[in-house]
N, C-alpha and C. Protein backbone atom coordinates (compact mmCIF):
# COMPACT_ATOMS: atom_id res chain seq x y z
N VAL A 1 0.85 -1.18 0.00
CA VAL A 1 0.00 0.00 0.00
C VAL A 1 0.90 1.24 0.00
N SER A 2 0.59 2.20 -0.85
CA SER A 2 1.40 3.42 -0.91
C SER A 2 0.49 4.62 -1.00
N ASN A 3 1.05 5.77 -0.62
CA ASN A 3 0.28 7.00 -0.68
C ASN A 3 0.34 7.58 -2.08
N ALA A 4 -0.81 7.90 -2.64
CA ALA A 4 -0.90 8.51 -3.96
C ALA A 4 -1.11 10.00 -3.81
N PRO A 5 -1.00 10.75 -4.90
CA PRO A 5 -1.25 12.18 -4.83
C PRO A 5 -2.63 12.48 -4.25
N ARG A 6 -2.71 13.63 -3.57
CA ARG A 6 -3.96 14.11 -2.96
C ARG A 6 -4.48 13.14 -1.90
N GLY A 7 -3.60 12.36 -1.30
CA GLY A 7 -4.00 11.50 -0.20
C GLY A 7 -4.71 10.23 -0.60
N ARG A 8 -4.82 9.94 -1.89
CA ARG A 8 -5.50 8.73 -2.31
C ARG A 8 -4.63 7.51 -2.06
N ILE A 9 -5.23 6.45 -1.55
CA ILE A 9 -4.50 5.22 -1.25
C ILE A 9 -4.56 4.28 -2.45
N LEU A 10 -3.37 3.84 -2.88
CA LEU A 10 -3.30 2.89 -3.98
C LEU A 10 -3.27 1.47 -3.43
N MET A 11 -4.23 0.64 -3.86
CA MET A 11 -4.29 -0.74 -3.42
C MET A 11 -4.65 -1.61 -4.60
N THR A 12 -4.37 -2.89 -4.48
CA THR A 12 -4.77 -3.84 -5.52
C THR A 12 -6.11 -4.46 -5.15
N ALA A 13 -6.75 -5.07 -6.13
CA ALA A 13 -8.03 -5.74 -5.87
C ALA A 13 -7.85 -6.87 -4.86
N ASP A 14 -6.76 -7.61 -4.99
CA ASP A 14 -6.51 -8.71 -4.05
C ASP A 14 -6.36 -8.21 -2.62
N GLU A 15 -5.70 -7.07 -2.46
CA GLU A 15 -5.52 -6.51 -1.12
C GLU A 15 -6.86 -6.08 -0.53
N ILE A 16 -7.70 -5.50 -1.36
CA ILE A 16 -9.01 -5.06 -0.87
C ILE A 16 -9.89 -6.25 -0.53
N VAL A 17 -9.85 -7.30 -1.35
CA VAL A 17 -10.63 -8.49 -1.05
C VAL A 17 -10.22 -9.07 0.31
N GLU A 18 -8.94 -9.07 0.60
CA GLU A 18 -8.47 -9.56 1.90
C GLU A 18 -8.99 -8.70 3.04
N GLN A 19 -9.16 -7.40 2.80
CA GLN A 19 -9.72 -6.51 3.81
C GLN A 19 -11.23 -6.73 3.97
N LEU A 20 -11.89 -7.11 2.89
CA LEU A 20 -13.33 -7.30 2.94
C LEU A 20 -13.74 -8.56 3.70
N LYS A 21 -12.96 -9.60 3.56
CA LYS A 21 -13.33 -10.89 4.14
C LYS A 21 -13.74 -10.81 5.61
N PRO A 22 -12.89 -10.23 6.49
CA PRO A 22 -13.27 -10.21 7.92
C PRO A 22 -14.39 -9.23 8.25
N LEU A 23 -14.75 -8.37 7.32
CA LEU A 23 -15.80 -7.39 7.57
C LEU A 23 -17.20 -7.98 7.37
N GLY A 24 -17.27 -9.12 6.71
CA GLY A 24 -18.56 -9.74 6.43
C GLY A 24 -19.18 -10.35 7.67
N THR A 25 -20.51 -10.34 7.75
CA THR A 25 -21.24 -10.98 8.84
C THR A 25 -22.27 -11.94 8.26
N ASP A 26 -22.52 -13.01 9.00
CA ASP A 26 -23.49 -14.00 8.53
C ASP A 26 -24.89 -13.40 8.44
N ALA A 27 -25.21 -12.51 9.39
CA ALA A 27 -26.56 -11.93 9.41
C ALA A 27 -26.81 -11.08 8.16
N TYR A 28 -25.83 -10.24 7.79
CA TYR A 28 -26.03 -9.39 6.62
C TYR A 28 -25.94 -10.21 5.34
N LYS A 29 -25.14 -11.25 5.38
CA LYS A 29 -25.06 -12.13 4.21
C LYS A 29 -26.42 -12.77 3.96
N ARG A 30 -27.13 -13.17 5.02
CA ARG A 30 -28.47 -13.75 4.85
C ARG A 30 -29.42 -12.74 4.23
N VAL A 31 -29.32 -11.47 4.65
CA VAL A 31 -30.15 -10.42 4.08
C VAL A 31 -29.89 -10.31 2.58
N LEU A 32 -28.61 -10.27 2.20
CA LEU A 32 -28.26 -10.16 0.79
C LEU A 32 -28.73 -11.37 -0.01
N ARG A 33 -28.57 -12.55 0.56
CA ARG A 33 -29.00 -13.76 -0.13
C ARG A 33 -30.52 -13.75 -0.34
N ASN A 34 -31.25 -13.23 0.65
CA ASN A 34 -32.71 -13.13 0.51
C ASN A 34 -33.11 -12.15 -0.59
N HIS A 35 -32.19 -11.23 -0.94
CA HIS A 35 -32.45 -10.27 -2.02
C HIS A 35 -31.85 -10.74 -3.35
N GLY A 36 -31.51 -12.01 -3.41
CA GLY A 36 -31.09 -12.59 -4.68
C GLY A 36 -29.61 -12.56 -4.96
N VAL A 37 -28.79 -12.09 -4.01
CA VAL A 37 -27.34 -12.06 -4.22
C VAL A 37 -26.80 -13.48 -4.22
N GLN A 38 -25.95 -13.76 -5.20
CA GLN A 38 -25.40 -15.10 -5.34
C GLN A 38 -23.99 -15.18 -4.73
N GLU A 39 -23.60 -16.40 -4.38
CA GLU A 39 -22.22 -16.63 -3.94
C GLU A 39 -21.27 -16.38 -5.10
N PRO A 40 -20.04 -15.96 -4.83
CA PRO A 40 -19.48 -15.65 -3.52
C PRO A 40 -19.88 -14.28 -2.99
N VAL A 41 -20.18 -14.22 -1.71
CA VAL A 41 -20.52 -12.97 -1.04
C VAL A 41 -20.07 -13.07 0.41
N PHE A 42 -19.47 -12.01 0.93
CA PHE A 42 -18.97 -12.01 2.31
C PHE A 42 -20.02 -11.48 3.29
N GLY A 43 -20.89 -10.57 2.82
CA GLY A 43 -21.85 -9.96 3.72
C GLY A 43 -21.32 -8.70 4.39
N VAL A 44 -20.64 -7.85 3.60
CA VAL A 44 -20.09 -6.60 4.13
C VAL A 44 -21.13 -5.50 4.01
N LYS A 45 -21.39 -4.80 5.10
CA LYS A 45 -22.38 -3.73 5.09
C LYS A 45 -21.90 -2.55 4.25
N ILE A 46 -22.86 -1.83 3.66
CA ILE A 46 -22.53 -0.70 2.79
C ILE A 46 -21.71 0.35 3.55
N GLU A 47 -22.01 0.57 4.82
CA GLU A 47 -21.26 1.57 5.58
C GLU A 47 -19.78 1.22 5.65
N ASP A 48 -19.46 -0.08 5.70
CA ASP A 48 -18.05 -0.49 5.72
C ASP A 48 -17.42 -0.38 4.33
N LEU A 49 -18.21 -0.64 3.29
CA LEU A 49 -17.69 -0.46 1.93
C LEU A 49 -17.39 1.02 1.68
N LYS A 50 -18.21 1.91 2.23
CA LYS A 50 -18.01 3.34 2.00
C LYS A 50 -16.77 3.86 2.73
N LYS A 51 -16.36 3.18 3.79
CA LYS A 51 -15.11 3.57 4.46
C LYS A 51 -13.92 3.29 3.53
N ILE A 52 -13.97 2.17 2.82
CA ILE A 52 -12.91 1.87 1.86
C ILE A 52 -13.00 2.83 0.69
N GLN A 53 -14.21 3.12 0.23
CA GLN A 53 -14.40 4.09 -0.85
C GLN A 53 -13.77 5.44 -0.48
N LYS A 54 -13.93 5.86 0.73
CA LYS A 54 -13.39 7.16 1.17
C LYS A 54 -11.87 7.18 1.08
N ARG A 55 -11.24 6.04 1.37
CA ARG A 55 -9.78 5.96 1.30
C ARG A 55 -9.29 5.88 -0.15
N VAL A 56 -9.98 5.09 -0.95
CA VAL A 56 -9.53 4.83 -2.32
C VAL A 56 -9.92 5.96 -3.27
N LYS A 57 -11.10 6.55 -3.03
CA LYS A 57 -11.68 7.57 -3.92
C LYS A 57 -11.98 6.95 -5.29
N LYS A 58 -11.77 7.69 -6.38
CA LYS A 58 -12.05 7.16 -7.72
C LYS A 58 -10.83 6.43 -8.27
N ASP A 59 -11.05 5.25 -8.82
CA ASP A 59 -9.94 4.49 -9.39
C ASP A 59 -10.49 3.58 -10.49
N TYR A 60 -10.32 4.02 -11.72
CA TYR A 60 -10.88 3.32 -12.88
C TYR A 60 -10.40 1.87 -12.96
N ARG A 61 -9.09 1.67 -12.95
CA ARG A 61 -8.53 0.33 -13.13
C ARG A 61 -8.89 -0.59 -11.97
N LEU A 62 -8.82 -0.07 -10.76
CA LEU A 62 -9.14 -0.88 -9.59
C LEU A 62 -10.61 -1.29 -9.60
N ALA A 63 -11.49 -0.39 -10.03
CA ALA A 63 -12.91 -0.73 -10.12
C ALA A 63 -13.12 -1.90 -11.07
N LEU A 64 -12.48 -1.86 -12.23
CA LEU A 64 -12.60 -2.96 -13.17
C LEU A 64 -12.11 -4.28 -12.58
N ASP A 65 -10.99 -4.21 -11.89
CA ASP A 65 -10.42 -5.42 -11.29
C ASP A 65 -11.31 -5.97 -10.18
N LEU A 66 -11.86 -5.10 -9.35
CA LEU A 66 -12.74 -5.55 -8.28
C LEU A 66 -14.01 -6.19 -8.85
N TYR A 67 -14.56 -5.59 -9.87
CA TYR A 67 -15.78 -6.13 -10.47
C TYR A 67 -15.53 -7.52 -11.03
N ASP A 68 -14.36 -7.71 -11.60
CA ASP A 68 -14.03 -8.99 -12.23
C ASP A 68 -13.74 -10.10 -11.23
N THR A 69 -13.65 -9.78 -9.93
CA THR A 69 -13.47 -10.85 -8.93
C THR A 69 -14.71 -11.73 -8.86
N GLY A 70 -15.88 -11.19 -9.24
CA GLY A 70 -17.11 -11.95 -9.13
C GLY A 70 -17.66 -12.04 -7.71
N ILE A 71 -16.98 -11.41 -6.76
CA ILE A 71 -17.43 -11.38 -5.36
C ILE A 71 -18.38 -10.20 -5.20
N TYR A 72 -19.59 -10.46 -4.74
CA TYR A 72 -20.61 -9.41 -4.71
C TYR A 72 -20.13 -8.14 -4.01
N ASP A 73 -19.55 -8.28 -2.83
CA ASP A 73 -19.14 -7.11 -2.05
C ASP A 73 -18.12 -6.27 -2.83
N ALA A 74 -17.20 -6.95 -3.51
CA ALA A 74 -16.18 -6.25 -4.30
C ALA A 74 -16.80 -5.61 -5.53
N MET A 75 -17.80 -6.26 -6.11
CA MET A 75 -18.48 -5.71 -7.28
C MET A 75 -19.27 -4.45 -6.91
N TYR A 76 -19.92 -4.49 -5.76
CA TYR A 76 -20.66 -3.31 -5.30
C TYR A 76 -19.69 -2.16 -5.03
N LEU A 77 -18.57 -2.47 -4.38
CA LEU A 77 -17.55 -1.46 -4.12
C LEU A 77 -17.01 -0.89 -5.42
N ALA A 78 -16.88 -1.73 -6.44
CA ALA A 78 -16.39 -1.26 -7.74
C ALA A 78 -17.28 -0.14 -8.28
N GLY A 79 -18.58 -0.28 -8.10
CA GLY A 79 -19.49 0.77 -8.54
C GLY A 79 -19.30 2.07 -7.78
N LEU A 80 -18.91 1.97 -6.52
CA LEU A 80 -18.71 3.17 -5.70
C LEU A 80 -17.44 3.93 -6.09
N ILE A 81 -16.41 3.21 -6.53
CA ILE A 81 -15.14 3.88 -6.81
C ILE A 81 -14.88 4.05 -8.31
N ALA A 82 -15.81 3.58 -9.15
CA ALA A 82 -15.60 3.67 -10.60
C ALA A 82 -15.46 5.13 -11.04
N ASP A 83 -14.54 5.36 -11.95
CA ASP A 83 -14.40 6.68 -12.56
C ASP A 83 -15.33 6.70 -13.76
N ASP A 84 -16.55 7.21 -13.54
CA ASP A 84 -17.62 7.08 -14.53
C ASP A 84 -17.22 7.57 -15.92
N LEU A 85 -16.53 8.70 -15.98
CA LEU A 85 -16.21 9.30 -17.27
C LEU A 85 -15.12 8.54 -18.03
N LYS A 86 -14.41 7.65 -17.35
CA LYS A 86 -13.41 6.83 -18.02
C LYS A 86 -13.98 5.50 -18.50
N MET A 87 -15.17 5.17 -18.04
CA MET A 87 -15.78 3.89 -18.43
C MET A 87 -16.11 3.90 -19.92
N THR A 88 -15.71 2.85 -20.61
CA THR A 88 -15.98 2.73 -22.04
C THR A 88 -17.27 1.93 -22.25
N LYS A 89 -17.76 1.95 -23.49
CA LYS A 89 -18.93 1.13 -23.79
C LYS A 89 -18.62 -0.35 -23.56
N THR A 90 -17.42 -0.75 -23.90
CA THR A 90 -17.01 -2.14 -23.69
C THR A 90 -17.05 -2.49 -22.21
N ASP A 91 -16.52 -1.59 -21.38
CA ASP A 91 -16.54 -1.81 -19.92
C ASP A 91 -17.97 -1.99 -19.42
N LEU A 92 -18.84 -1.09 -19.83
CA LEU A 92 -20.21 -1.09 -19.31
C LEU A 92 -20.99 -2.30 -19.81
N ARG A 93 -20.78 -2.67 -21.05
CA ARG A 93 -21.44 -3.87 -21.57
C ARG A 93 -20.95 -5.12 -20.83
N HIS A 94 -19.67 -5.14 -20.50
CA HIS A 94 -19.11 -6.25 -19.74
C HIS A 94 -19.75 -6.30 -18.35
N TRP A 95 -19.88 -5.14 -17.72
CA TRP A 95 -20.45 -5.09 -16.38
C TRP A 95 -21.90 -5.57 -16.38
N VAL A 96 -22.69 -5.12 -17.35
CA VAL A 96 -24.09 -5.53 -17.35
C VAL A 96 -24.22 -7.02 -17.63
N LYS A 97 -23.34 -7.55 -18.44
CA LYS A 97 -23.36 -8.98 -18.74
C LYS A 97 -22.98 -9.80 -17.52
N LYS A 98 -22.08 -9.28 -16.71
CA LYS A 98 -21.56 -10.01 -15.55
C LYS A 98 -22.43 -9.82 -14.29
N ALA A 99 -23.33 -8.83 -14.32
CA ALA A 99 -24.20 -8.59 -13.16
C ALA A 99 -25.09 -9.81 -12.94
N ASN A 100 -24.96 -10.45 -11.79
CA ASN A 100 -25.65 -11.73 -11.57
C ASN A 100 -26.73 -11.65 -10.50
N CYS A 101 -27.14 -10.43 -10.15
CA CYS A 101 -28.24 -10.28 -9.19
C CYS A 101 -28.88 -8.92 -9.38
N GLY A 102 -30.08 -8.76 -8.85
CA GLY A 102 -30.82 -7.53 -9.04
C GLY A 102 -30.16 -6.31 -8.45
N LEU A 103 -29.44 -6.47 -7.34
CA LEU A 103 -28.80 -5.31 -6.71
C LEU A 103 -27.71 -4.73 -7.61
N LEU A 104 -27.07 -5.57 -8.40
CA LEU A 104 -26.05 -5.08 -9.33
C LEU A 104 -26.68 -4.54 -10.60
N SER A 105 -27.66 -5.26 -11.15
CA SER A 105 -28.23 -4.83 -12.43
C SER A 105 -29.20 -3.66 -12.28
N ALA A 106 -29.79 -3.48 -11.11
CA ALA A 106 -30.74 -2.39 -10.92
C ALA A 106 -30.13 -1.17 -10.24
N TYR A 107 -28.95 -1.34 -9.64
CA TYR A 107 -28.37 -0.22 -8.90
C TYR A 107 -26.92 0.06 -9.30
N THR A 108 -26.02 -0.87 -9.03
CA THR A 108 -24.59 -0.61 -9.24
C THR A 108 -24.28 -0.23 -10.68
N VAL A 109 -24.65 -1.06 -11.63
CA VAL A 109 -24.32 -0.78 -13.03
C VAL A 109 -25.04 0.47 -13.54
N PRO A 110 -26.34 0.64 -13.28
CA PRO A 110 -27.01 1.86 -13.75
C PRO A 110 -26.42 3.14 -13.17
N TRP A 111 -26.00 3.13 -11.89
CA TRP A 111 -25.38 4.33 -11.31
C TRP A 111 -24.19 4.77 -12.16
N VAL A 112 -23.35 3.81 -12.48
CA VAL A 112 -22.14 4.13 -13.23
C VAL A 112 -22.48 4.49 -14.67
N ALA A 113 -23.37 3.72 -15.29
CA ALA A 113 -23.73 3.97 -16.68
C ALA A 113 -24.36 5.35 -16.86
N ALA A 114 -25.25 5.73 -15.94
CA ALA A 114 -25.95 7.01 -16.08
C ALA A 114 -25.00 8.20 -15.99
N ALA A 115 -23.92 8.03 -15.26
CA ALA A 115 -22.96 9.12 -15.11
C ALA A 115 -21.85 9.06 -16.16
N SER A 116 -21.88 8.04 -17.00
CA SER A 116 -20.85 7.89 -18.04
C SER A 116 -21.23 8.70 -19.27
N ARG A 117 -20.38 8.62 -20.29
CA ARG A 117 -20.66 9.31 -21.55
C ARG A 117 -21.67 8.55 -22.41
N TYR A 118 -21.98 7.32 -22.03
CA TYR A 118 -22.75 6.45 -22.91
C TYR A 118 -24.08 6.00 -22.29
N GLY A 119 -24.52 6.67 -21.24
CA GLY A 119 -25.69 6.22 -20.51
C GLY A 119 -26.93 6.08 -21.38
N ARG A 120 -27.28 7.13 -22.11
CA ARG A 120 -28.50 7.10 -22.92
C ARG A 120 -28.40 6.04 -24.01
N GLU A 121 -27.28 6.02 -24.72
CA GLU A 121 -27.10 5.07 -25.82
C GLU A 121 -27.23 3.63 -25.34
N LEU A 122 -26.57 3.32 -24.23
CA LEU A 122 -26.59 1.95 -23.75
C LEU A 122 -27.94 1.60 -23.11
N ALA A 123 -28.56 2.56 -22.44
CA ALA A 123 -29.87 2.30 -21.83
C ALA A 123 -30.87 1.91 -22.91
N LEU A 124 -30.88 2.65 -24.03
CA LEU A 124 -31.81 2.34 -25.11
C LEU A 124 -31.49 0.99 -25.75
N GLU A 125 -30.21 0.63 -25.75
CA GLU A 125 -29.81 -0.69 -26.26
C GLU A 125 -30.28 -1.79 -25.31
N TRP A 126 -30.06 -1.58 -24.02
CA TRP A 126 -30.35 -2.62 -23.03
C TRP A 126 -31.84 -2.89 -22.85
N ILE A 127 -32.69 -1.87 -22.98
CA ILE A 127 -34.12 -2.13 -22.76
C ILE A 127 -34.71 -3.00 -23.85
N GLU A 128 -33.99 -3.18 -24.95
CA GLU A 128 -34.45 -4.06 -26.02
C GLU A 128 -34.06 -5.52 -25.78
N SER A 129 -33.25 -5.78 -24.75
CA SER A 129 -32.75 -7.13 -24.51
C SER A 129 -33.86 -8.06 -24.01
N ARG A 130 -33.79 -9.31 -24.42
CA ARG A 130 -34.72 -10.32 -23.92
C ARG A 130 -34.26 -10.90 -22.60
N LYS A 131 -33.02 -10.57 -22.21
CA LYS A 131 -32.50 -11.04 -20.93
C LYS A 131 -32.97 -10.09 -19.84
N GLU A 132 -33.65 -10.63 -18.84
CA GLU A 132 -34.29 -9.79 -17.82
C GLU A 132 -33.30 -8.85 -17.13
N SER A 133 -32.15 -9.36 -16.72
CA SER A 133 -31.21 -8.52 -15.97
C SER A 133 -30.68 -7.36 -16.81
N VAL A 134 -30.52 -7.57 -18.12
CA VAL A 134 -30.04 -6.50 -18.99
C VAL A 134 -31.12 -5.45 -19.19
N ALA A 135 -32.36 -5.89 -19.43
CA ALA A 135 -33.46 -4.94 -19.57
C ALA A 135 -33.66 -4.14 -18.28
N VAL A 136 -33.51 -4.80 -17.14
CA VAL A 136 -33.58 -4.10 -15.84
C VAL A 136 -32.56 -2.98 -15.78
N CYS A 137 -31.33 -3.29 -16.18
CA CYS A 137 -30.27 -2.29 -16.15
C CYS A 137 -30.60 -1.12 -17.07
N GLY A 138 -31.20 -1.41 -18.22
CA GLY A 138 -31.55 -0.34 -19.16
C GLY A 138 -32.55 0.63 -18.58
N TRP A 139 -33.65 0.12 -18.02
CA TRP A 139 -34.68 1.00 -17.47
C TRP A 139 -34.16 1.74 -16.23
N ALA A 140 -33.35 1.06 -15.42
CA ALA A 140 -32.79 1.72 -14.24
C ALA A 140 -31.81 2.82 -14.64
N THR A 141 -31.08 2.60 -15.73
CA THR A 141 -30.17 3.64 -16.22
C THR A 141 -30.96 4.85 -16.71
N LEU A 142 -32.08 4.62 -17.39
CA LEU A 142 -32.92 5.73 -17.83
C LEU A 142 -33.42 6.53 -16.63
N SER A 143 -33.79 5.84 -15.55
CA SER A 143 -34.21 6.53 -14.34
C SER A 143 -33.07 7.37 -13.77
N GLY A 144 -31.86 6.81 -13.81
CA GLY A 144 -30.70 7.56 -13.33
C GLY A 144 -30.42 8.79 -14.17
N LEU A 145 -30.60 8.67 -15.46
CA LEU A 145 -30.34 9.80 -16.36
C LEU A 145 -31.27 10.97 -16.08
N VAL A 146 -32.57 10.70 -15.89
CA VAL A 146 -33.48 11.81 -15.64
C VAL A 146 -33.22 12.43 -14.28
N ALA A 147 -32.61 11.65 -13.38
CA ALA A 147 -32.30 12.18 -12.05
C ALA A 147 -31.07 13.08 -12.06
N VAL A 148 -30.06 12.74 -12.85
CA VAL A 148 -28.79 13.47 -12.78
C VAL A 148 -28.63 14.55 -13.83
N LYS A 149 -29.42 14.48 -14.90
CA LYS A 149 -29.26 15.47 -15.97
C LYS A 149 -30.26 16.61 -15.82
N ASP A 150 -29.82 17.80 -16.20
CA ASP A 150 -30.73 18.93 -16.25
C ASP A 150 -31.81 18.66 -17.29
N ASP A 151 -33.01 19.17 -17.03
CA ASP A 151 -34.11 18.93 -17.97
C ASP A 151 -33.77 19.38 -19.39
N ALA A 152 -32.98 20.43 -19.51
CA ALA A 152 -32.63 20.96 -20.84
C ALA A 152 -31.78 19.98 -21.63
N GLU A 153 -31.12 19.05 -20.95
CA GLU A 153 -30.28 18.05 -21.62
C GLU A 153 -31.06 16.83 -22.06
N LEU A 154 -32.31 16.72 -21.64
CA LEU A 154 -33.10 15.53 -21.92
C LEU A 154 -33.93 15.68 -23.18
N ASP A 155 -34.15 14.57 -23.86
CA ASP A 155 -35.01 14.54 -25.03
C ASP A 155 -36.43 14.25 -24.54
N LEU A 156 -37.24 15.29 -24.38
CA LEU A 156 -38.57 15.13 -23.80
C LEU A 156 -39.48 14.28 -24.68
N ALA A 157 -39.35 14.42 -26.00
CA ALA A 157 -40.16 13.62 -26.90
C ALA A 157 -39.85 12.13 -26.73
N GLU A 158 -38.58 11.83 -26.56
CA GLU A 158 -38.17 10.44 -26.36
C GLU A 158 -38.72 9.91 -25.04
N LEU A 159 -38.66 10.72 -24.00
CA LEU A 159 -39.18 10.30 -22.70
C LEU A 159 -40.69 10.08 -22.76
N LYS A 160 -41.39 10.90 -23.52
CA LYS A 160 -42.83 10.69 -23.70
C LYS A 160 -43.10 9.35 -24.36
N ARG A 161 -42.30 9.02 -25.37
CA ARG A 161 -42.48 7.73 -26.06
C ARG A 161 -42.20 6.57 -25.10
N LEU A 162 -41.21 6.75 -24.25
CA LEU A 162 -40.89 5.69 -23.30
C LEU A 162 -41.99 5.52 -22.25
N LEU A 163 -42.59 6.63 -21.83
CA LEU A 163 -43.73 6.53 -20.91
C LEU A 163 -44.88 5.78 -21.57
N GLN A 164 -45.13 6.07 -22.83
CA GLN A 164 -46.18 5.35 -23.56
C GLN A 164 -45.86 3.87 -23.65
N ARG A 165 -44.60 3.56 -23.88
CA ARG A 165 -44.18 2.15 -23.97
C ARG A 165 -44.40 1.44 -22.64
N VAL A 166 -44.05 2.12 -21.54
CA VAL A 166 -44.27 1.52 -20.23
C VAL A 166 -45.76 1.25 -20.01
N LYS A 167 -46.58 2.25 -20.29
CA LYS A 167 -48.03 2.10 -20.11
C LYS A 167 -48.58 0.93 -20.92
N ARG A 168 -48.04 0.76 -22.11
CA ARG A 168 -48.56 -0.26 -23.03
C ARG A 168 -48.08 -1.67 -22.68
N THR A 169 -46.87 -1.78 -22.11
CA THR A 169 -46.25 -3.11 -22.01
C THR A 169 -45.90 -3.57 -20.60
N ILE A 170 -45.99 -2.72 -19.59
CA ILE A 170 -45.44 -3.07 -18.28
C ILE A 170 -46.00 -4.36 -17.70
N HIS A 171 -47.29 -4.59 -17.87
CA HIS A 171 -47.89 -5.76 -17.23
C HIS A 171 -47.53 -7.06 -17.93
N GLN A 172 -46.91 -6.98 -19.09
CA GLN A 172 -46.49 -8.19 -19.81
C GLN A 172 -44.99 -8.48 -19.62
N GLN A 173 -44.32 -7.64 -18.84
CA GLN A 173 -42.87 -7.78 -18.69
C GLN A 173 -42.51 -8.75 -17.56
N PRO A 174 -41.27 -9.27 -17.59
CA PRO A 174 -40.80 -10.10 -16.48
C PRO A 174 -40.82 -9.34 -15.16
N ASN A 175 -40.77 -10.06 -14.08
CA ASN A 175 -40.96 -9.54 -12.73
C ASN A 175 -40.15 -8.28 -12.43
N HIS A 176 -38.82 -8.38 -12.53
CA HIS A 176 -37.98 -7.25 -12.13
C HIS A 176 -37.99 -6.11 -13.15
N VAL A 177 -38.34 -6.43 -14.40
CA VAL A 177 -38.48 -5.37 -15.40
C VAL A 177 -39.70 -4.52 -15.05
N ARG A 178 -40.77 -5.14 -14.57
CA ARG A 178 -41.94 -4.36 -14.12
C ARG A 178 -41.54 -3.39 -13.01
N TYR A 179 -40.71 -3.86 -12.11
CA TYR A 179 -40.29 -3.05 -10.97
C TYR A 179 -39.54 -1.79 -11.43
N VAL A 180 -38.59 -1.96 -12.34
CA VAL A 180 -37.79 -0.79 -12.76
C VAL A 180 -38.55 0.07 -13.75
N MET A 181 -39.44 -0.51 -14.53
CA MET A 181 -40.30 0.32 -15.39
C MET A 181 -41.16 1.24 -14.53
N ASN A 182 -41.74 0.69 -13.47
CA ASN A 182 -42.52 1.48 -12.54
C ASN A 182 -41.66 2.58 -11.93
N GLY A 183 -40.41 2.24 -11.60
CA GLY A 183 -39.48 3.23 -11.06
C GLY A 183 -39.17 4.33 -12.06
N PHE A 184 -39.13 3.98 -13.34
CA PHE A 184 -38.89 4.97 -14.38
C PHE A 184 -40.02 6.00 -14.43
N VAL A 185 -41.26 5.54 -14.34
CA VAL A 185 -42.39 6.46 -14.33
C VAL A 185 -42.28 7.41 -13.13
N ILE A 186 -41.94 6.87 -11.98
CA ILE A 186 -41.78 7.68 -10.77
C ILE A 186 -40.65 8.69 -10.96
N ALA A 187 -39.54 8.24 -11.54
CA ALA A 187 -38.39 9.13 -11.74
C ALA A 187 -38.72 10.29 -12.67
N VAL A 188 -39.39 9.99 -13.77
CA VAL A 188 -39.78 11.05 -14.71
C VAL A 188 -40.71 12.04 -14.02
N GLY A 189 -41.69 11.52 -13.30
CA GLY A 189 -42.61 12.39 -12.60
C GLY A 189 -41.96 13.25 -11.54
N SER A 190 -40.92 12.71 -10.93
CA SER A 190 -40.24 13.42 -9.84
C SER A 190 -39.21 14.43 -10.32
N TYR A 191 -38.52 14.12 -11.42
CA TYR A 191 -37.35 14.92 -11.81
C TYR A 191 -37.55 15.79 -13.05
N VAL A 192 -38.53 15.46 -13.89
CA VAL A 192 -38.69 16.21 -15.14
C VAL A 192 -39.96 17.06 -15.03
N ARG A 193 -39.78 18.32 -14.73
CA ARG A 193 -40.91 19.19 -14.42
C ARG A 193 -41.96 19.19 -15.54
N ALA A 194 -41.51 19.25 -16.79
CA ALA A 194 -42.45 19.35 -17.91
C ALA A 194 -43.26 18.07 -18.12
N LEU A 195 -42.81 16.97 -17.53
CA LEU A 195 -43.49 15.69 -17.75
C LEU A 195 -44.15 15.14 -16.49
N THR A 196 -44.18 15.92 -15.42
CA THR A 196 -44.77 15.44 -14.17
C THR A 196 -46.22 15.03 -14.36
N ASP A 197 -47.01 15.89 -15.00
CA ASP A 197 -48.44 15.58 -15.18
C ASP A 197 -48.63 14.34 -16.05
N LEU A 198 -47.83 14.23 -17.11
CA LEU A 198 -47.96 13.06 -17.99
C LEU A 198 -47.58 11.78 -17.24
N ALA A 199 -46.54 11.86 -16.40
CA ALA A 199 -46.13 10.69 -15.63
C ALA A 199 -47.24 10.27 -14.66
N LEU A 200 -47.89 11.24 -14.04
CA LEU A 200 -48.99 10.93 -13.13
C LEU A 200 -50.16 10.29 -13.88
N GLN A 201 -50.46 10.83 -15.06
CA GLN A 201 -51.53 10.25 -15.88
C GLN A 201 -51.18 8.82 -16.30
N THR A 202 -49.90 8.63 -16.64
CA THR A 202 -49.43 7.29 -17.05
C THR A 202 -49.58 6.31 -15.90
N ALA A 203 -49.19 6.74 -14.70
CA ALA A 203 -49.28 5.86 -13.53
C ALA A 203 -50.72 5.48 -13.24
N THR A 204 -51.62 6.45 -13.38
CA THR A 204 -53.04 6.18 -13.14
C THR A 204 -53.57 5.14 -14.12
N LYS A 205 -53.18 5.26 -15.38
CA LYS A 205 -53.65 4.31 -16.40
C LYS A 205 -53.02 2.93 -16.22
N ILE A 206 -51.80 2.90 -15.73
CA ILE A 206 -51.13 1.61 -15.49
C ILE A 206 -51.82 0.87 -14.35
N GLY A 207 -52.17 1.59 -13.30
CA GLY A 207 -52.79 0.97 -12.13
C GLY A 207 -51.77 0.24 -11.28
N PRO A 208 -52.22 -0.60 -10.36
CA PRO A 208 -51.29 -1.32 -9.47
C PRO A 208 -50.32 -2.21 -10.26
N VAL A 209 -49.08 -2.22 -9.83
CA VAL A 209 -48.05 -3.07 -10.43
C VAL A 209 -47.62 -4.09 -9.39
N THR A 210 -47.78 -5.36 -9.70
CA THR A 210 -47.46 -6.42 -8.76
C THR A 210 -46.08 -7.00 -9.07
N VAL A 211 -45.21 -7.00 -8.05
CA VAL A 211 -43.85 -7.50 -8.22
C VAL A 211 -43.53 -8.42 -7.04
N ASP A 212 -42.99 -9.60 -7.34
CA ASP A 212 -42.53 -10.51 -6.31
C ASP A 212 -41.10 -10.14 -5.94
N MET A 213 -40.92 -9.56 -4.73
CA MET A 213 -39.59 -9.10 -4.31
C MET A 213 -38.75 -10.24 -3.72
N GLY A 214 -39.35 -11.39 -3.48
CA GLY A 214 -38.60 -12.52 -2.95
C GLY A 214 -38.38 -12.39 -1.45
N GLY A 215 -38.74 -13.42 -0.70
CA GLY A 215 -38.53 -13.40 0.74
C GLY A 215 -39.39 -12.37 1.46
């Protein structure tokens, strides 16, 4: 371990994994497993991951290496320290392909994708996928985009078409896709002032959305 400029700590993925192991608890691991997280997983709480994030800060290469360990806790941490603007389309496509649970495909990958240079392009690509986890990532990324971008940067006509698509198809979608589609309607209504009324109308026409959250 060495000191980097501006106080950033340089570490390898292997070193961080060794630090993560003793931080895991059986109780939190059970919680994660109940939410669909697959082995290997240590059960490290987010507050402990954020302590490592604070030391490491942003690190593009380390984030890629941590994600490739396949260990859930390391993959989640990778999303926290990823240098979003350095992520390539290849990186992001690899991440969405490797995401093996809802917490990664609905949160970690979309957070990074939405803040990258390719969020909109990849989100529109991913929502066309027949693979549930990829479509989940696409709709969640769209929700992230409307949250982080100024309204003037958004294509309102495109968002209107997407709201119509959700209204028309949500009840025929796989379980977790319904969940993130519903979240997209909420996000548009919450963050895009010009589309708040349309999002509310869309939600009313959709009606109740039933999702099996597991456990």
